[in-house]
Amino acid sequence: AALVQSMAFATLIAGFCFALPATARPASVGAEAAAGQPEPESCDKVLVGGILKAKLGIDFGGGELNDGRGDVIELACKAHPARPGLTIVAMFYWLKDARGEIEANKSGFALAIIDPQRQILHSLHRSIFKEDATMRSSGRLSIDTARYQLKPGVRAFGVRMNIGYGPRCADGGEDNFLTLFVEEGTQLTPVLEMLPMNTW
């Protein structure tokens, strides 16, 4: 009976661990940075789609797919902190196979700097994000424009991904991953990748 009670308690605790929201989890190693992070700005999906649709080859919505969002899972925008008139755009989108079916446990990630007024794409980064059984993803993105001054004349900006990672409750876990990018011509290069801002 004691063994059954212990197993039931362990199962309850494991379920509670993954149910906790990020703000309720202890030992936040990046609490100060997260607290000072500005709220994301709204995106004009039609405008962004007009600039990126041809380059990414995805559906930016308007139909019935994904509640009218097309292939777009999450979209975040923020004014460029050092280049007036330009906008930083980050997005997750569905990847599809040769038959047009959505690929399981996999999504595309794109980061771009655009000129909304002139309808110009200045720079772009693309990658593929894969989930496994130990990850819990809300798909939420935000753009971090804090002063990441790497050296004179080189300022990075960040993208935060609200992706939880926890193999087992007893092992703890991580989430709110930060990646920093710098601009190199038409490329956006990551200089720090997937640093967890929260750990427990």
C-alpha atoms as a PDB file:
ATOM      1  CA  ALA A   1       0.000   0.000   0.000  1.00  0.00           C
ATOM      2  CA  ALA A   2       2.850   2.360   0.869  1.00  0.00           C
ATOM      3  CA  LEU A   3       4.475   1.670  -2.493  1.00  0.00           C
ATOM      4  CA  VAL A   4       1.214   2.397  -4.341  1.00  0.00           C
ATOM      5  CA  GLN A   5       0.792   5.651  -2.420  1.00  0.00           C
ATOM      6  CA  SER A   6       4.389   6.677  -3.199  1.00  0.00           C
ATOM      7  CA  MET A   7       3.927   5.958  -6.911  1.00  0.00           C
ATOM      8  CA  ALA A   8       0.678   7.919  -6.992  1.00  0.00           C
ATOM      9  CA  PHE A   9       2.352  10.861  -5.260  1.00  0.00           C
ATOM     10  CA  ALA A  10       5.300  10.786  -7.698  1.00  0.00           C
ATOM     11  CA  THR A  11       2.900  10.772 -10.649  1.00  0.00           C
ATOM     12  CA  LEU A  12       1.007  13.734  -9.187  1.00  0.00           C
ATOM     13  CA  ILE A  13       4.232  15.707  -8.650  1.00  0.00           C
ATOM     14  CA  ALA A  14       5.483  14.937 -12.191  1.00  0.00           C
ATOM     15  CA  GLY A  15       2.223  16.181 -13.661  1.00  0.00           C
ATOM     16  CA  PHE A  16       2.319  19.292 -11.501  1.00  0.00           C
ATOM     17  CA  CYS A  17       5.879  20.036 -12.623  1.00  0.00           C
ATOM     18  CA  PHE A  18       4.910  20.320 -16.288  1.00  0.00           C
ATOM     19  CA  ALA A  19       1.713  22.192 -15.424  1.00  0.00           C
ATOM     20  CA  LEU A  20       3.551  25.042 -13.712  1.00  0.00           C
ATOM     21  CA  PRO A  21       3.649  28.275 -15.734  1.00  0.00           C
ATOM     22  CA  ALA A  22       7.112  29.697 -16.367  1.00  0.00           C
ATOM     23  CA  THR A  23       6.493  32.588 -13.959  1.00  0.00           C
ATOM     24  CA  ALA A  24       5.801  30.138 -11.123  1.00  0.00           C
ATOM     25  CA  ARG A  25       8.980  28.116 -11.507  1.00  0.00           C
ATOM     26  CA  PRO A  26      11.883  28.810  -9.153  1.00  0.00           C
ATOM     27  CA  ALA A  27      15.521  29.706  -9.804  1.00  0.00           C
ATOM     28  CA  SER A  28      15.078  32.136 -12.687  1.00  0.00           C
ATOM     29  CA  VAL A  29      18.633  32.862 -13.818  1.00  0.00           C
ATOM     30  CA  GLY A  30      17.491  35.611 -16.194  1.00  0.00           C
ATOM     31  CA  ALA A  31      14.803  37.263 -14.077  1.00  0.00           C
ATOM     32  CA  GLU A  32      16.304  40.746 -14.309  1.00  0.00           C
ATOM     33  CA  ALA A  33      16.604  40.632 -18.093  1.00  0.00           C
ATOM     34  CA  ALA A  34      13.117  39.188 -18.507  1.00  0.00           C
ATOM     35  CA  ALA A  35      11.595  41.787 -16.197  1.00  0.00           C
ATOM     36  CA  GLY A  36      13.040  44.625 -18.269  1.00  0.00           C
ATOM     37  CA  GLN A  37      12.027  43.158 -21.606  1.00  0.00           C
ATOM     38  CA  PRO A  38       9.613  45.417 -23.540  1.00  0.00           C
ATOM     39  CA  GLU A  39       6.280  44.011 -24.663  1.00  0.00           C
ATOM     40  CA  PRO A  40       6.204  42.784 -28.275  1.00  0.00           C
ATOM     41  CA  GLU A  41       4.674  45.102 -30.855  1.00  0.00           C
ATOM     42  CA  SER A  42       1.804  44.027 -33.067  1.00  0.00           C
ATOM     43  CA  CYS A  43       2.508  42.792 -36.584  1.00  0.00           C
ATOM     44  CA  ASP A  44       0.719  43.658 -39.794  1.00  0.00           C
ATOM     45  CA  LYS A  45       0.600  40.132 -41.210  1.00  0.00           C
ATOM     46  CA  VAL A  46      -0.499  41.324 -44.657  1.00  0.00           C
ATOM     47  CA  LEU A  47       2.433  43.735 -44.866  1.00  0.00           C
ATOM     48  CA  VAL A  48       4.948  41.199 -43.539  1.00  0.00           C
ATOM     49  CA  GLY A  49       3.567  38.521 -45.842  1.00  0.00           C
ATOM     50  CA  GLY A  50       3.885  40.791 -48.850  1.00  0.00           C
ATOM     51  CA  ILE A  51       7.617  41.113 -48.184  1.00  0.00           C
ATOM     52  CA  LEU A  52       8.455  37.561 -47.040  1.00  0.00           C
ATOM     53  CA  LYS A  53       5.942  35.299 -48.802  1.00  0.00           C
ATOM     54  CA  ALA A  54       7.946  34.790 -51.987  1.00  0.00           C
ATOM     55  CA  LYS A  55      11.221  34.264 -50.120  1.00  0.00           C
ATOM     56  CA  LEU A  56       9.849  31.780 -47.590  1.00  0.00           C
ATOM     57  CA  GLY A  57       7.333  30.130 -49.903  1.00  0.00           C
ATOM     58  CA  ILE A  58       4.612  29.889 -47.255  1.00  0.00           C
ATOM     59  CA  ASP A  59       0.951  30.851 -46.895  1.00  0.00           C
ATOM     60  CA  PHE A  60       0.473  33.919 -44.685  1.00  0.00           C
ATOM     61  CA  GLY A  61      -3.218  33.249 -44.223  1.00  0.00           C
ATOM     62  CA  GLY A  62      -6.590  34.590 -45.179  1.00  0.00           C
ATOM     63  CA  GLY A  63      -8.184  31.171 -45.796  1.00  0.00           C
ATOM     64  CA  GLU A  64      -9.387  28.394 -43.508  1.00  0.00           C
ATOM     65  CA  LEU A  65      -5.981  26.870 -42.770  1.00  0.00           C
ATOM     66  CA  ASN A  66      -4.859  27.278 -39.136  1.00  0.00           C
ATOM     67  CA  ASP A  67      -7.803  29.556 -38.240  1.00  0.00           C
ATOM     68  CA  GLY A  68      -6.976  31.942 -41.061  1.00  0.00           C
ATOM     69  CA  ARG A  69      -3.258  32.155 -40.224  1.00  0.00           C
ATOM     70  CA  GLY A  70      -2.117  29.890 -43.034  1.00  0.00           C
ATOM     71  CA  ASP A  71       1.277  28.342 -42.331  1.00  0.00           C
ATOM     72  CA  VAL A  72       2.128  30.950 -39.680  1.00  0.00           C
ATOM     73  CA  ILE A  73       2.289  29.540 -36.142  1.00  0.00           C
ATOM     74  CA  GLU A  74       3.594  32.616 -34.340  1.00  0.00           C
ATOM     75  CA  LEU A  75       4.659  36.059 -35.533  1.00  0.00           C
ATOM     76  CA  ALA A  76       6.453  38.798 -33.579  1.00  0.00           C
ATOM     77  CA  CYS A  77       7.629  42.253 -34.666  1.00  0.00           C
ATOM     78  CA  LYS A  78       9.584  45.089 -33.103  1.00  0.00           C
ATOM     79  CA  ALA A  79      11.071  48.350 -34.340  1.00  0.00           C
ATOM     80  CA  HIS A  80      14.813  48.082 -34.957  1.00  0.00           C
ATOM     81  CA  PRO A  81      16.575  49.828 -32.028  1.00  0.00           C
ATOM     82  CA  ALA A  82      19.492  51.201 -34.077  1.00  0.00           C
ATOM     83  CA  ARG A  83      18.073  51.622 -37.594  1.00  0.00           C
ATOM     84  CA  PRO A  84      15.019  53.908 -37.682  1.00  0.00           C
ATOM     85  CA  GLY A  85      12.339  52.866 -40.147  1.00  0.00           C
ATOM     86  CA  LEU A  86      13.294  49.186 -40.099  1.00  0.00           C
ATOM     87  CA  THR A  87      11.444  46.364 -38.334  1.00  0.00           C
ATOM     88  CA  ILE A  88      12.679  43.067 -36.892  1.00  0.00           C
ATOM     89  CA  VAL A  89      10.358  40.149 -37.621  1.00  0.00           C
ATOM     90  CA  ALA A  90      10.537  36.671 -36.050  1.00  0.00           C
ATOM     91  CA  MET A  91       8.243  33.777 -36.849  1.00  0.00           C
ATOM     92  CA  PHE A  92       7.541  30.080 -36.507  1.00  0.00           C
ATOM     93  CA  TYR A  93       5.774  28.431 -39.443  1.00  0.00           C
ATOM     94  CA  TRP A  94       4.645  24.971 -40.482  1.00  0.00           C
ATOM     95  CA  LEU A  95       6.951  22.900 -42.654  1.00  0.00           C
ATOM     96  CA  LYS A  96       5.358  20.646 -45.258  1.00  0.00           C
ATOM     97  CA  ASP A  97       6.534  17.526 -47.032  1.00  0.00           C
ATOM     98  CA  ALA A  98       6.414  16.828 -50.783  1.00  0.00           C
ATOM     99  CA  ARG A  99       2.722  15.937 -50.525  1.00  0.00           C
ATOM    100  CA  GLY A 100       1.858  19.206 -48.833  1.00  0.00           C
ATOM    101  CA  GLU A 101       1.287  17.554 -45.427  1.00  0.00           C
ATOM    102  CA  ILE A 102       2.471  19.287 -42.261  1.00  0.00           C
ATOM    103  CA  GLU A 103       5.597  17.627 -40.853  1.00  0.00           C
ATOM    104  CA  ALA A 104       5.205  16.382 -37.287  1.00  0.00           C
ATOM    105  CA  ASN A 105       7.393  17.722 -34.448  1.00  0.00           C
ATOM    106  CA  LYS A 106       9.154  20.144 -36.750  1.00  0.00           C
ATOM    107  CA  SER A 107       8.696  23.797 -37.664  1.00  0.00           C
ATOM    108  CA  GLY A 108      10.493  26.488 -39.590  1.00  0.00           C
ATOM    109  CA  PHE A 109      11.981  29.549 -37.925  1.00  0.00           C
ATOM    110  CA  ALA A 110      12.678  32.791 -39.760  1.00  0.00           C
ATOM    111  CA  LEU A 111      14.169  36.064 -38.576  1.00  0.00           C
ATOM    112  CA  ALA A 112      14.204  39.071 -40.871  1.00  0.00           C
ATOM    113  CA  ILE A 113      14.868  42.781 -40.979  1.00  0.00           C
ATOM    114  CA  ILE A 114      12.452  44.563 -43.274  1.00  0.00           C
ATOM    115  CA  ASP A 115      11.652  48.078 -44.439  1.00  0.00           C
ATOM    116  CA  PRO A 116       7.841  48.213 -44.195  1.00  0.00           C
ATOM    117  CA  GLN A 117       7.483  51.519 -46.017  1.00  0.00           C
ATOM    118  CA  ARG A 118       9.584  50.553 -49.031  1.00  0.00           C
ATOM    119  CA  GLN A 119       8.564  46.863 -48.940  1.00  0.00           C
ATOM    120  CA  ILE A 120      12.202  45.718 -48.860  1.00  0.00           C
ATOM    121  CA  LEU A 121      13.804  42.677 -47.218  1.00  0.00           C
ATOM    122  CA  HIS A 122      17.213  43.689 -45.841  1.00  0.00           C
ATOM    123  CA  SER A 123      18.425  40.492 -44.163  1.00  0.00           C
ATOM    124  CA  LEU A 124      17.182  37.018 -43.354  1.00  0.00           C
ATOM    125  CA  HIS A 125      17.996  33.985 -41.211  1.00  0.00           C
ATOM    126  CA  ARG A 126      16.217  30.636 -41.582  1.00  0.00           C
ATOM    127  CA  SER A 127      16.496  27.427 -39.593  1.00  0.00           C
ATOM    128  CA  ILE A 128      14.516  24.331 -38.637  1.00  0.00           C
ATOM    129  CA  PHE A 129      13.351  23.720 -35.098  1.00  0.00           C
ATOM    130  CA  LYS A 130      12.737  20.135 -33.968  1.00  0.00           C
ATOM    131  CA  GLU A 131      10.798  19.071 -30.887  1.00  0.00           C
ATOM    132  CA  ASP A 132      11.181  15.815 -29.014  1.00  0.00           C
ATOM    133  CA  ALA A 133       9.297  14.101 -26.212  1.00  0.00           C
ATOM    134  CA  THR A 134      11.134  16.064 -23.506  1.00  0.00           C
ATOM    135  CA  MET A 135      10.159  19.493 -24.841  1.00  0.00           C
ATOM    136  CA  ARG A 136       7.044  21.537 -24.188  1.00  0.00           C
ATOM    137  CA  SER A 137       6.518  24.437 -26.582  1.00  0.00           C
ATOM    138  CA  SER A 138       3.893  27.179 -26.550  1.00  0.00           C
ATOM    139  CA  GLY A 139       5.317  28.404 -29.857  1.00  0.00           C
ATOM    140  CA  ARG A 140       5.543  31.899 -28.398  1.00  0.00           C
ATOM    141  CA  LEU A 141       8.237  34.276 -29.650  1.00  0.00           C
ATOM    142  CA  SER A 142       9.388  37.703 -28.526  1.00  0.00           C
ATOM    143  CA  ILE A 143      12.110  40.036 -29.759  1.00  0.00           C
ATOM    144  CA  ASP A 144      14.597  41.358 -27.200  1.00  0.00           C
ATOM    145  CA  THR A 145      16.150  44.715 -28.137  1.00  0.00           C
ATOM    146  CA  ALA A 146      18.141  45.313 -24.957  1.00  0.00           C
ATOM    147  CA  ARG A 147      21.596  46.890 -25.407  1.00  0.00           C
ATOM    148  CA  TYR A 148      23.674  43.817 -26.220  1.00  0.00           C
ATOM    149  CA  GLN A 149      26.759  45.846 -27.203  1.00  0.00           C
ATOM    150  CA  LEU A 150      29.334  43.211 -28.162  1.00  0.00           C
ATOM    151  CA  LYS A 151      32.030  45.695 -29.151  1.00  0.00           C
ATOM    152  CA  PRO A 152      32.174  49.240 -30.530  1.00  0.00           C
ATOM    153  CA  GLY A 153      29.910  49.416 -33.558  1.00  0.00           C
ATOM    154  CA  VAL A 154      28.471  45.910 -33.093  1.00  0.00           C
ATOM    155  CA  ARG A 155      25.136  45.601 -31.342  1.00  0.00           C
ATOM    156  CA  ALA A 156      23.237  42.316 -31.166  1.00  0.00           C
ATOM    157  CA  PHE A 157      19.530  41.793 -30.633  1.00  0.00           C
ATOM    158  CA  GLY A 158      17.798  38.759 -29.257  1.00  0.00           C
ATOM    159  CA  VAL A 159      14.936  36.377 -29.906  1.00  0.00           C
ATOM    160  CA  ARG A 160      13.338  34.601 -26.968  1.00  0.00           C
ATOM    161  CA  MET A 161      11.571  31.277 -27.502  1.00  0.00           C
ATOM    162  CA  ASN A 162       9.164  30.097 -24.837  1.00  0.00           C
ATOM    163  CA  ILE A 163      10.126  26.436 -25.116  1.00  0.00           C
ATOM    164  CA  GLY A 164      10.236  24.293 -21.996  1.00  0.00           C
ATOM    165  CA  TYR A 165      12.701  21.413 -21.680  1.00  0.00           C
ATOM    166  CA  GLY A 166      12.439  18.882 -18.866  1.00  0.00           C
ATOM    167  CA  PRO A 167      13.268  15.168 -19.234  1.00  0.00           C
ATOM    168  CA  ARG A 168      11.872  14.435 -15.747  1.00  0.00           C
ATOM    169  CA  CYS A 169      10.546  16.610 -12.945  1.00  0.00           C
ATOM    170  CA  ALA A 170      13.263  15.360 -10.580  1.00  0.00           C
ATOM    171  CA  ASP A 171      15.926  16.526 -13.061  1.00  0.00           C
ATOM    172  CA  GLY A 172      14.556  20.063 -13.238  1.00  0.00           C
ATOM    173  CA  GLY A 173      14.232  21.856 -16.542  1.00  0.00           C
ATOM    174  CA  GLU A 174      14.809  24.984 -18.625  1.00  0.00           C
ATOM    175  CA  ASP A 175      12.772  27.425 -20.693  1.00  0.00           C
ATOM    176  CA  ASN A 176      12.670  30.949 -22.179  1.00  0.00           C
ATOM    177  CA  PHE A 177      15.654  30.395 -24.480  1.00  0.00           C
ATOM    178  CA  LEU A 178      17.560  33.442 -25.748  1.00  0.00           C
ATOM    179  CA  THR A 179      19.475  33.580 -29.027  1.00  0.00           C
ATOM    180  CA  LEU A 180      21.471  36.691 -29.982  1.00  0.00           C
ATOM    181  CA  PHE A 181      21.968  37.729 -33.602  1.00  0.00           C
ATOM    182  CA  VAL A 182      24.225  40.234 -35.356  1.00  0.00           C
ATOM    183  CA  GLU A 183      23.776  41.669 -38.824  1.00  0.00           C
ATOM    184  CA  GLU A 184      26.345  40.753 -41.462  1.00  0.00           C
ATOM    185  CA  GLY A 185      25.234  42.194 -44.763  1.00  0.00           C
ATOM    186  CA  THR A 186      22.125  40.325 -45.880  1.00  0.00           C
ATOM    187  CA  GLN A 187      22.675  37.622 -43.247  1.00  0.00           C
ATOM    188  CA  LEU A 188      21.631  37.474 -39.602  1.00  0.00           C
ATOM    189  CA  THR A 189      24.187  35.374 -37.719  1.00  0.00           C
ATOM    190  CA  PRO A 190      23.568  33.817 -34.296  1.00  0.00           C
ATOM    191  CA  VAL A 191      26.419  34.561 -31.867  1.00  0.00           C
ATOM    192  CA  LEU A 192      24.786  33.012 -28.792  1.00  0.00           C
ATOM    193  CA  GLU A 193      22.298  30.173 -29.236  1.00  0.00           C
ATOM    194  CA  MET A 194      19.479  28.895 -27.028  1.00  0.00           C
ATOM    195  CA  LEU A 195      20.689  30.164 -23.652  1.00  0.00           C
ATOM    196  CA  PRO A 196      17.993  29.288 -21.061  1.00  0.00           C
ATOM    197  CA  MET A 197      16.845  32.340 -19.105  1.00  0.00           C
ATOM    198  CA  ASN A 198      14.835  30.225 -16.650  1.00  0.00           C
ATOM    199  CA  THR A 199      15.968  27.059 -14.918  1.00  0.00           C
ATOM    200  CA  TRP A 200      14.439  25.000 -12.122  1.00  0.00           C
END
